[in-house]
C-alpha atoms as a PDB file:
ATOM      1  CA  MET A   1     -27.924 -15.756  -8.498  1.00  0.00           C
ATOM      2  CA  ILE A   2     -24.652 -17.514  -8.677  1.00  0.00           C
ATOM      3  CA  GLU A   3     -22.939 -14.243  -8.335  1.00  0.00           C
ATOM      4  CA  ILE A   4     -24.811 -13.603  -5.107  1.00  0.00           C
ATOM      5  CA  ILE A   5     -24.034 -17.146  -3.514  1.00  0.00           C
ATOM      6  CA  SER A   6     -20.448 -16.877  -4.688  1.00  0.00           C
ATOM      7  CA  GLY A   7     -20.152 -13.308  -3.109  1.00  0.00           C
ATOM      8  CA  ILE A   8     -21.714 -14.642   0.085  1.00  0.00           C
ATOM      9  CA  THR A   9     -19.327 -17.660   0.296  1.00  0.00           C
ATOM     10  CA  THR A  10     -16.054 -15.623  -0.624  1.00  0.00           C
ATOM     11  CA  ALA A  11     -16.972 -13.200   2.321  1.00  0.00           C
ATOM     12  CA  LEU A  12     -17.674 -15.955   4.692  1.00  0.00           C
ATOM     13  CA  VAL A  13     -14.339 -17.858   3.769  1.00  0.00           C
ATOM     14  CA  VAL A  14     -12.482 -14.622   4.453  1.00  0.00           C
ATOM     15  CA  ILE A  15     -14.405 -13.950   7.804  1.00  0.00           C
ATOM     16  CA  ILE A  16     -13.573 -17.324   8.966  1.00  0.00           C
ATOM     17  CA  LEU A  17      -9.839 -16.977   8.181  1.00  0.00           C
ATOM     18  CA  ILE A  18      -9.666 -13.546   9.870  1.00  0.00           C
ATOM     19  CA  PRO A  19      -9.537 -14.827  13.398  1.00  0.00           C
ATOM     20  CA  LEU A  20      -6.662 -17.195  12.335  1.00  0.00           C
ATOM     21  CA  LEU A  21      -4.762 -14.185  10.917  1.00  0.00           C
ATOM     22  CA  SER A  22      -5.470 -11.755  13.739  1.00  0.00           C
ATOM     23  CA  LYS A  23      -2.992 -14.012  15.746  1.00  0.00           C
ATOM     24  CA  HIS A  24      -0.306 -12.226  13.420  1.00  0.00           C
ATOM     25  CA  ILE A  25      -1.699  -9.233  12.245  1.00  0.00           C
ATOM     26  CA  SER A  26      -4.696  -7.014  13.402  1.00  0.00           C
ATOM     27  CA  ALA A  27      -8.107  -7.013  11.731  1.00  0.00           C
ATOM     28  CA  ARG A  28      -7.793  -3.415  11.230  1.00  0.00           C
ATOM     29  CA  LEU A  29      -4.760  -3.994   8.888  1.00  0.00           C
ATOM     30  CA  ILE A  30      -6.479  -6.990   7.214  1.00  0.00           C
ATOM     31  CA  ALA A  31      -9.513  -4.640   6.394  1.00  0.00           C
ATOM     32  CA  ALA A  32      -7.510  -1.765   5.285  1.00  0.00           C
ATOM     33  CA  THR A  33      -5.396  -4.300   2.993  1.00  0.00           C
ATOM     34  CA  ILE A  34      -8.647  -5.654   1.613  1.00  0.00           C
ATOM     35  CA  LEU A  35     -10.033  -2.131   0.890  1.00  0.00           C
ATOM     36  CA  CYS A  36      -6.555  -1.240  -0.850  1.00  0.00           C
ATOM     37  CA  SER A  37      -6.592  -4.053  -3.125  1.00  0.00           C
ATOM     38  CA  MET A  38     -10.149  -4.337  -3.934  1.00  0.00           C
ATOM     39  CA  ALA A  39      -9.858  -0.699  -5.156  1.00  0.00           C
ATOM     40  CA  PHE A  40      -7.133  -1.510  -7.721  1.00  0.00           C
ATOM     41  CA  ILE A  41      -8.976  -4.377  -9.241  1.00  0.00           C
ATOM     42  CA  TYR A  42     -10.824  -2.194 -11.542  1.00  0.00           C
ATOM     43  CA  VAL A  43      -7.715  -0.723 -12.563  1.00  0.00           C
ATOM     44  CA  GLY A  44      -6.803  -3.911 -13.984  1.00  0.00           C
ATOM     45  CA  PHE A  45     -10.075  -4.421 -15.833  1.00  0.00           C
ATOM     46  CA  SER A  46      -9.803  -0.868 -17.317  1.00  0.00           C
ATOM     47  CA  LEU A  47      -6.543  -1.577 -18.755  1.00  0.00           C
ATOM     48  CA  LYS A  48      -8.160  -4.104 -21.229  1.00  0.00           C
ATOM     49  CA  ASP A  49      -9.841  -2.674 -24.138  1.00  0.00           C
ATOM     50  CA  ASN A  50     -11.275   0.541 -22.270  1.00  0.00           C
ATOM     51  CA  THR A  51     -10.891   4.199 -23.018  1.00  0.00           C
ATOM     52  CA  VAL A  52      -8.387   6.361 -21.391  1.00  0.00           C
ATOM     53  CA  SER A  53     -11.186   8.317 -19.727  1.00  0.00           C
ATOM     54  CA  SER A  54     -12.162   4.761 -17.959  1.00  0.00           C
ATOM     55  CA  VAL A  55      -8.593   4.177 -16.894  1.00  0.00           C
ATOM     56  CA  VAL A  56      -8.454   7.636 -15.502  1.00  0.00           C
ATOM     57  CA  LEU A  57     -11.628   7.059 -13.799  1.00  0.00           C
ATOM     58  CA  GLU A  58     -10.809   3.875 -12.187  1.00  0.00           C
ATOM     59  CA  VAL A  59      -7.424   4.968 -11.142  1.00  0.00           C
ATOM     60  CA  LEU A  60      -8.964   8.131  -9.412  1.00  0.00           C
ATOM     61  CA  MET A  61     -11.509   5.914  -7.461  1.00  0.00           C
ATOM     62  CA  ALA A  62      -8.771   3.577  -6.610  1.00  0.00           C
ATOM     63  CA  VAL A  63      -6.670   6.177  -5.074  1.00  0.00           C
ATOM     64  CA  ALA A  64      -9.567   7.611  -3.374  1.00  0.00           C
ATOM     65  CA  PHE A  65     -10.717   4.072  -1.754  1.00  0.00           C
ATOM     66  CA  TYR A  66      -6.864   3.839  -0.989  1.00  0.00           C
ATOM     67  CA  CYS A  67      -6.855   7.062   0.859  1.00  0.00           C
ATOM     68  CA  ILE A  68      -9.922   6.116   2.909  1.00  0.00           C
ATOM     69  CA  ALA A  69      -7.925   2.964   4.007  1.00  0.00           C
ATOM     70  CA  ILE A  70      -4.859   5.037   5.143  1.00  0.00           C
ATOM     71  CA  ILE A  71      -6.966   7.484   6.996  1.00  0.00           C
ATOM     72  CA  GLY A  72      -9.301   4.839   8.445  1.00  0.00           C
ATOM     73  CA  TYR A  73      -6.167   3.088   9.500  1.00  0.00           C
ATOM     74  CA  SER A  74      -4.582   5.895  11.187  1.00  0.00           C
ATOM     75  CA  LYS A  75      -7.410   7.805  12.363  1.00  0.00           C
ATOM     76  CA  ASN A  76     -10.787   5.941  12.651  1.00  0.00           C
ATOM     77  CA  ASN A  77     -11.205   2.024  11.983  1.00  0.00           C
ATOM     78  CA  TYR A  78     -14.935   2.807  11.074  1.00  0.00           C
ATOM     79  CA  LEU A  79     -13.740   4.501   7.974  1.00  0.00           C
ATOM     80  CA  ILE A  80     -12.260   1.456   6.562  1.00  0.00           C
ATOM     81  CA  ALA A  81     -15.728  -0.694   7.261  1.00  0.00           C
ATOM     82  CA  ILE A  82     -17.655   2.422   5.608  1.00  0.00           C
ATOM     83  CA  GLY A  83     -15.067   2.415   2.717  1.00  0.00           C
ATOM     84  CA  ILE A  84     -15.563  -1.389   2.022  1.00  0.00           C
ATOM     85  CA  ALA A  85     -19.427  -0.864   1.832  1.00  0.00           C
ATOM     86  CA  LEU A  86     -19.146   2.072  -0.360  1.00  0.00           C
ATOM     87  CA  HIS A  87     -16.792   0.062  -2.690  1.00  0.00           C
ATOM     88  CA  GLY A  88     -19.725  -2.068  -3.036  1.00  0.00           C
ATOM     89  CA  THR A  89     -21.738   0.691  -4.105  1.00  0.00           C
ATOM     90  CA  TRP A  90     -18.965   1.501  -6.538  1.00  0.00           C
ATOM     91  CA  ASP A  91     -19.355  -2.065  -8.083  1.00  0.00           C
ATOM     92  CA  LEU A  92     -23.480  -1.571  -8.433  1.00  0.00           C
ATOM     93  CA  PHE A  93     -22.479   1.565 -10.465  1.00  0.00           C
ATOM     94  CA  HIS A  94     -20.809  -0.777 -13.029  1.00  0.00           C
ATOM     95  CA  HIS A  95     -23.758  -3.290 -13.000  1.00  0.00           C
ATOM     96  CA  ASN A  96     -24.740  -3.392 -16.611  1.00  0.00           C
ATOM     97  CA  GLY A  97     -22.790  -0.263 -17.189  1.00  0.00           C
ATOM     98  CA  LEU A  98     -25.421   1.703 -14.712  1.00  0.00           C
ATOM     99  CA  LEU A  99     -23.355   4.546 -14.277  1.00  0.00           C
ATOM    100  CA  VAL A 100     -19.897   3.444 -15.246  1.00  0.00           C
ATOM    101  CA  LYS A 101     -19.273   2.273 -18.551  1.00  0.00           C
ATOM    102  CA  THR A 102     -15.678   0.609 -18.004  1.00  0.00           C
ATOM    103  CA  ASP A 103     -15.912  -2.956 -19.712  1.00  0.00           C
ATOM    104  CA  ILE A 104     -15.639  -5.673 -16.993  1.00  0.00           C
ATOM    105  CA  PRO A 105     -16.949  -9.326 -16.724  1.00  0.00           C
ATOM    106  CA  ASP A 106     -20.608  -9.412 -16.484  1.00  0.00           C
ATOM    107  CA  TYR A 107     -20.559 -11.344 -13.301  1.00  0.00           C
ATOM    108  CA  TRP A 108     -18.222  -9.088 -11.325  1.00  0.00           C
ATOM    109  CA  PRO A 109     -20.142  -5.975 -10.160  1.00  0.00           C
ATOM    110  CA  LEU A 110     -23.006  -8.071  -8.408  1.00  0.00           C
ATOM    111  CA  TYR A 111     -20.321 -10.866  -6.873  1.00  0.00           C
ATOM    112  CA  CYS A 112     -17.981  -8.088  -5.664  1.00  0.00           C
ATOM    113  CA  SER A 113     -20.677  -5.699  -4.212  1.00  0.00           C
ATOM    114  CA  VAL A 114     -22.207  -8.706  -2.258  1.00  0.00           C
ATOM    115  CA  THR A 115     -18.743  -9.643  -1.001  1.00  0.00           C
ATOM    116  CA  ASP A 116     -18.061  -5.907  -0.276  1.00  0.00           C
ATOM    117  CA  PHE A 117     -21.379  -5.273   1.797  1.00  0.00           C
ATOM    118  CA  VAL A 118     -20.923  -8.422   3.882  1.00  0.00           C
ATOM    119  CA  TRP A 119     -17.320  -7.324   4.604  1.00  0.00           C
ATOM    120  CA  GLY A 120     -18.177  -4.028   5.375  1.00  0.00           C
ATOM    121  CA  ALA A 121     -20.802  -5.030   7.945  1.00  0.00           C
ATOM    122  CA  TYR A 122     -18.482  -7.676   9.582  1.00  0.00           C
ATOM    123  CA  PHE A 123     -15.548  -4.950  10.065  1.00  0.00           C
ATOM    124  CA  PHE A 124     -18.107  -2.758  11.504  1.00  0.00           C
ATOM    125  CA  LEU A 125     -19.004  -4.990  13.925  1.00  0.00           C
ATOM    126  CA  VAL A 126     -15.648  -5.940  14.799  1.00  0.00           C
ATOM    127  CA  PHE A 127     -14.627  -2.236  15.185  1.00  0.00           C
ATOM    128  CA  LYS A 128     -17.596  -1.635  17.293  1.00  0.00           C
ATOM    129  CA  ARG A 129     -16.848  -4.445  19.558  1.00  0.00           C
ATOM    130  CA  GLN A 130     -13.227  -3.419  19.714  1.00  0.00           C
ATOM    131  CA  LYS A 131     -14.245   0.083  20.886  1.00  0.00           C
ATOM    132  CA  LYS A 132     -16.496  -1.415  23.356  1.00  0.00           C
ATOM    133  CA  GLN A 133     -13.940  -3.537  24.797  1.00  0.00           C
ATOM    134  CA  ASN A 134     -11.128  -0.709  24.755  1.00  0.00           C
ATOM    135  CA  LYS A 135     -13.757   1.462  26.940  1.00  0.00           C
ATOM    136  CA  LEU A 136     -14.376  -1.588  29.419  1.00  0.00           C
ATOM    137  CA  ASN A 137     -10.582  -1.884  29.943  1.00  0.00           C
ATOM    138  CA  PRO A 138      -8.660   1.366  28.958  1.00  0.00           C
ATOM    139  CA  VAL A 139      -5.202   0.039  29.978  1.00  0.00           C
ATOM    140  CA  LEU A 140      -5.522  -3.027  27.697  1.00  0.00           C
ATOM    141  CA  LYS A 141      -6.027  -1.470  24.032  1.00  0.00           C
ATOM    142  CA  LEU A 142      -6.978  -4.512  21.875  1.00  0.00           C
ATOM    143  CA  GLU A 143      -6.040  -4.440  18.242  1.00  0.00           C
ATOM    144  CA  LEU A 144      -8.707  -6.531  16.558  1.00  0.00           C
END
């Protein structure tokens, strides 16, 4: 239960900070950066006492999420939000070694998946609002 509460709290703290950060950088860049960095956390976990195949799997998945972030940033913001939510699914695959056997802290998959799902939903709504605002005022392209 503490993992869920901590994940929601972490997600909400970042969400509260995003409007402040958005004065300097776009929400799109923040979301892409979050997706890129979260993808490589499992690489770090895999480097500690795991098999080479676990390291390779985690690196390949991190690169896949990195590519989703880059393509989403340059082509379609929604891909970034979807990528963040997909990472939440990847977290659940690690929960109790469900599908992925990389040795990671027991609390991490549930904590991270909750955080990812909240962030994915938040950024999806932000990008939806941005698209709507851009349609209403095509001259002023907002970068949220």
